[in-house]
C-alpha atoms as a PDB file:
ATOM      1  CA  MET A   1     -20.894-152.154-194.289  1.00  0.00           C
ATOM      2  CA  ALA A   2     -18.780-154.995-192.938  1.00  0.00           C
ATOM      3  CA  ARG A   3     -21.475-155.842-190.391  1.00  0.00           C
ATOM      4  CA  CYS A   4     -24.047-155.975-193.194  1.00  0.00           C
ATOM      5  CA  ALA A   5     -21.787-158.322-195.163  1.00  0.00           C
ATOM      6  CA  GLN A   6     -21.362-160.578-192.101  1.00  0.00           C
ATOM      7  CA  ALA A   7     -25.151-160.780-191.777  1.00  0.00           C
ATOM      8  CA  GLY A   8     -25.568-161.461-195.493  1.00  0.00           C
ATOM      9  CA  VAL A   9     -27.348-158.148-196.088  1.00  0.00           C
ATOM     10  CA  GLU A  10     -26.732-156.453-199.426  1.00  0.00           C
ATOM     11  CA  SER A  11     -25.818-152.981-198.186  1.00  0.00           C
ATOM     12  CA  SER A  12     -25.692-151.356-201.628  1.00  0.00           C
ATOM     13  CA  THR A  13     -29.430-151.931-202.138  1.00  0.00           C
ATOM     14  CA  SER A  14     -30.424-151.479-198.510  1.00  0.00           C
ATOM     15  CA  SER A  15     -31.300-148.403-196.474  1.00  0.00           C
ATOM     16  CA  VAL A  16     -29.347-149.806-193.513  1.00  0.00           C
ATOM     17  CA  PRO A  17     -26.094-147.825-194.047  1.00  0.00           C
ATOM     18  CA  LEU A  18     -27.943-144.502-194.319  1.00  0.00           C
ATOM     19  CA  LEU A  19     -30.130-145.304-191.306  1.00  0.00           C
ATOM     20  CA  VAL A  20     -27.037-146.194-189.262  1.00  0.00           C
ATOM     21  CA  SER A  21     -25.369-142.971-190.385  1.00  0.00           C
ATOM     22  CA  GLU A  22     -28.360-140.822-189.408  1.00  0.00           C
ATOM     23  CA  LEU A  23     -28.832-142.472-186.004  1.00  0.00           C
ATOM     24  CA  VAL A  24     -25.114-142.278-185.157  1.00  0.00           C
ATOM     25  CA  THR A  25     -24.867-138.664-186.340  1.00  0.00           C
ATOM     26  CA  ASN A  26     -27.891-137.666-184.255  1.00  0.00           C
ATOM     27  CA  ALA A  27     -26.400-139.342-181.189  1.00  0.00           C
ATOM     28  CA  CYS A  28     -23.033-137.625-181.732  1.00  0.00           C
ATOM     29  CA  VAL A  29     -24.630-134.202-182.152  1.00  0.00           C
ATOM     30  CA  HIS A  30     -27.437-134.412-179.585  1.00  0.00           C
ATOM     31  CA  GLY A  31     -26.582-137.357-177.318  1.00  0.00           C
ATOM     32  CA  GLY A  32     -24.002-138.022-174.673  1.00  0.00           C
ATOM     33  CA  ASP A  33     -21.243-140.529-173.963  1.00  0.00           C
ATOM     34  CA  PRO A  34     -21.208-143.442-173.630  1.00  0.00           C
ATOM     35  CA  MET A  35     -22.904-144.508-176.861  1.00  0.00           C
ATOM     36  CA  ALA A  36     -23.658-147.937-178.274  1.00  0.00           C
ATOM     37  CA  LEU A  37     -24.816-149.076-181.699  1.00  0.00           C
ATOM     38  CA  ARG A  38     -26.610-152.410-182.021  1.00  0.00           C
ATOM     39  CA  LEU A  39     -27.809-154.227-185.140  1.00  0.00           C
ATOM     40  CA  ASP A  40     -30.160-157.176-184.783  1.00  0.00           C
ATOM     41  CA  LEU A  41     -31.177-159.314-187.753  1.00  0.00           C
ATOM     42  CA  ASN A  42     -34.281-161.433-187.238  1.00  0.00           C
ATOM     43  CA  GLY A  43     -35.330-163.167-190.440  1.00  0.00           C
ATOM     44  CA  SER A  44     -35.907-160.462-193.021  1.00  0.00           C
ATOM     45  CA  ARG A  45     -36.145-157.609-190.506  1.00  0.00           C
ATOM     46  CA  MET A  46     -33.200-155.620-189.196  1.00  0.00           C
ATOM     47  CA  ARG A  47     -33.442-153.505-186.064  1.00  0.00           C
ATOM     48  CA  ILE A  48     -30.908-150.717-185.639  1.00  0.00           C
ATOM     49  CA  GLU A  49     -30.529-149.258-182.141  1.00  0.00           C
ATOM     50  CA  MET A  50     -28.460-146.263-181.110  1.00  0.00           C
ATOM     51  CA  GLU A  51     -28.146-145.765-177.350  1.00  0.00           C
ATOM     52  CA  ASP A  52     -26.717-142.680-175.684  1.00  0.00           C
ATOM     53  CA  SER A  53     -26.714-141.291-172.164  1.00  0.00           C
ATOM     54  CA  ALA A  54     -28.557-138.012-172.842  1.00  0.00           C
ATOM     55  CA  SER A  55     -32.050-137.873-171.376  1.00  0.00           C
ATOM     56  CA  ASP A  56     -33.354-135.383-173.956  1.00  0.00           C
ATOM     57  CA  TRP A  57     -36.041-137.011-176.101  1.00  0.00           C
ATOM     58  CA  PRO A  58     -35.570-136.447-179.847  1.00  0.00           C
ATOM     59  CA  ALA A  59     -38.292-134.716-181.831  1.00  0.00           C
ATOM     60  CA  VAL A  60     -39.017-134.625-185.540  1.00  0.00           C
ATOM     61  CA  GLN A  61     -38.214-131.157-186.852  1.00  0.00           C
ATOM     62  CA  SER A  62     -39.814-129.139-189.658  1.00  0.00           C
ATOM     63  CA  PRO A  63     -36.783-127.506-191.307  1.00  0.00           C
ATOM     64  CA  THR A  64     -37.099-124.993-194.102  1.00  0.00           C
ATOM     65  CA  ASP A  65     -35.041-125.189-197.295  1.00  0.00           C
ATOM     66  CA  ARG A  66     -32.579-122.761-195.703  1.00  0.00           C
ATOM     67  CA  ASP A  67     -32.042-124.685-192.456  1.00  0.00           C
ATOM     68  CA  PRO A  68     -28.718-126.564-192.477  1.00  0.00           C
ATOM     69  CA  GLY A  69     -29.983-129.410-190.278  1.00  0.00           C
ATOM     70  CA  GLY A  70     -33.038-130.897-188.654  1.00  0.00           C
ATOM     71  CA  ARG A  71     -33.682-133.639-191.199  1.00  0.00           C
ATOM     72  CA  GLY A  72     -32.202-136.670-189.422  1.00  0.00           C
ATOM     73  CA  LEU A  73     -35.395-138.126-187.979  1.00  0.00           C
ATOM     74  CA  LEU A  74     -37.313-137.246-191.149  1.00  0.00           C
ATOM     75  CA  ILE A  75     -34.818-139.404-193.040  1.00  0.00           C
ATOM     76  CA  VAL A  76     -35.107-142.183-190.450  1.00  0.00           C
ATOM     77  CA  ASP A  77     -38.898-142.011-190.739  1.00  0.00           C
ATOM     78  CA  SER A  78     -38.852-142.172-194.533  1.00  0.00           C
ATOM     79  CA  LEU A  79     -36.425-145.122-194.733  1.00  0.00           C
ATOM     80  CA  SER A  80     -37.775-147.357-191.971  1.00  0.00           C
ATOM     81  CA  GLN A  81     -40.994-149.301-191.608  1.00  0.00           C
ATOM     82  CA  VAL A  82     -41.194-148.279-187.950  1.00  0.00           C
ATOM     83  CA  TRP A  83     -39.005-146.350-185.508  1.00  0.00           C
ATOM     84  CA  GLY A  84     -39.199-145.057-181.985  1.00  0.00           C
ATOM     85  CA  VAL A  85     -37.472-144.097-178.777  1.00  0.00           C
ATOM     86  CA  ASP A  86     -37.196-146.115-175.568  1.00  0.00           C
ATOM     87  CA  ARG A  87     -35.774-145.226-172.187  1.00  0.00           C
ATOM     88  CA  ALA A  88     -32.454-147.051-171.652  1.00  0.00           C
ATOM     89  CA  GLU A  89     -31.989-149.116-168.489  1.00  0.00           C
ATOM     90  CA  ALA A  90     -28.829-147.221-167.526  1.00  0.00           C
ATOM     91  CA  GLY A  91     -30.496-143.852-168.168  1.00  0.00           C
ATOM     92  CA  GLY A  92     -30.505-142.014-171.442  1.00  0.00           C
ATOM     93  CA  LYS A  93     -32.392-143.334-174.438  1.00  0.00           C
ATOM     94  CA  ILE A  94     -32.376-145.759-177.330  1.00  0.00           C
ATOM     95  CA  VAL A  95     -33.477-144.473-180.726  1.00  0.00           C
ATOM     96  CA  TRP A  96     -34.307-147.429-182.960  1.00  0.00           C
ATOM     97  CA  ALA A  97     -35.523-148.164-186.476  1.00  0.00           C
ATOM     98  CA  GLU A  98     -36.625-151.364-188.194  1.00  0.00           C
ATOM     99  CA  VAL A  99     -36.388-152.172-191.887  1.00  0.00           C
ATOM    100  CA  GLU A 100     -37.229-155.109-194.102  1.00  0.00           C
ATOM    101  CA  ILE A 101     -34.081-156.311-195.809  1.00  0.00           C
ATOM    102  CA  GLU A 102     -33.315-158.546-198.738  1.00  0.00           C
ATOM    103  CA  LYS A 103     -30.465-160.951-198.563  1.00  0.00           C
ATOM    104  CA  PRO A 104     -28.533-161.738-201.739  1.00  0.00           C
ATOM    105  CA  GLY A 105     -30.470-164.342-203.697  1.00  0.00           C
ATOM    106  CA  ASP A 106     -33.905-163.431-202.301  1.00  0.00           C
ATOM    107  CA  GLU A 107     -34.985-162.042-205.669  1.00  0.00           C
ATOM    108  CA  VAL A 108     -34.161-165.390-207.315  1.00  0.00           C
ATOM    109  CA  ARG A 109     -36.275-167.280-204.781  1.00  0.00           C
ATOM    110  CA  GLU A 110     -39.148-164.867-205.400  1.00  0.00           C
ATOM    111  CA  MET A 111     -38.971-165.455-209.179  1.00  0.00           C
ATOM    112  CA  VAL A 112     -38.814-169.238-208.849  1.00  0.00           C
ATOM    113  CA  GLY A 113     -41.203-169.503-205.925  1.00  0.00           C
ATOM    114  CA  SER A 114     -40.677-171.478-202.798  1.00  0.00           C
ATOM    115  CA  LEU A 115     -39.660-175.106-203.156  1.00  0.00           C
END
């Protein structure tokens, strides 16, 4: 949340905190140490990367209503415009997601139009 505020991203109306939570949780449960979280803001697009040292590639699950888990990547898929997995240089993998974000005041600019 603090990182969102530093970047000027309104976290209460953004999917960024939930995406971060899902990616970090998946890395803690299925990944390996060391881990690194990176957020990159480029214009109105934020890229969230979670790197861990495990070589196992994540897969989208098909949980039933009774399964206690298996929904993490389904949530990531539903909240992001695009996501994927890359091999990390040091071994392991990077699971990433990208979302369009609104900065505070963007809605005012949209109503007024660009000047």
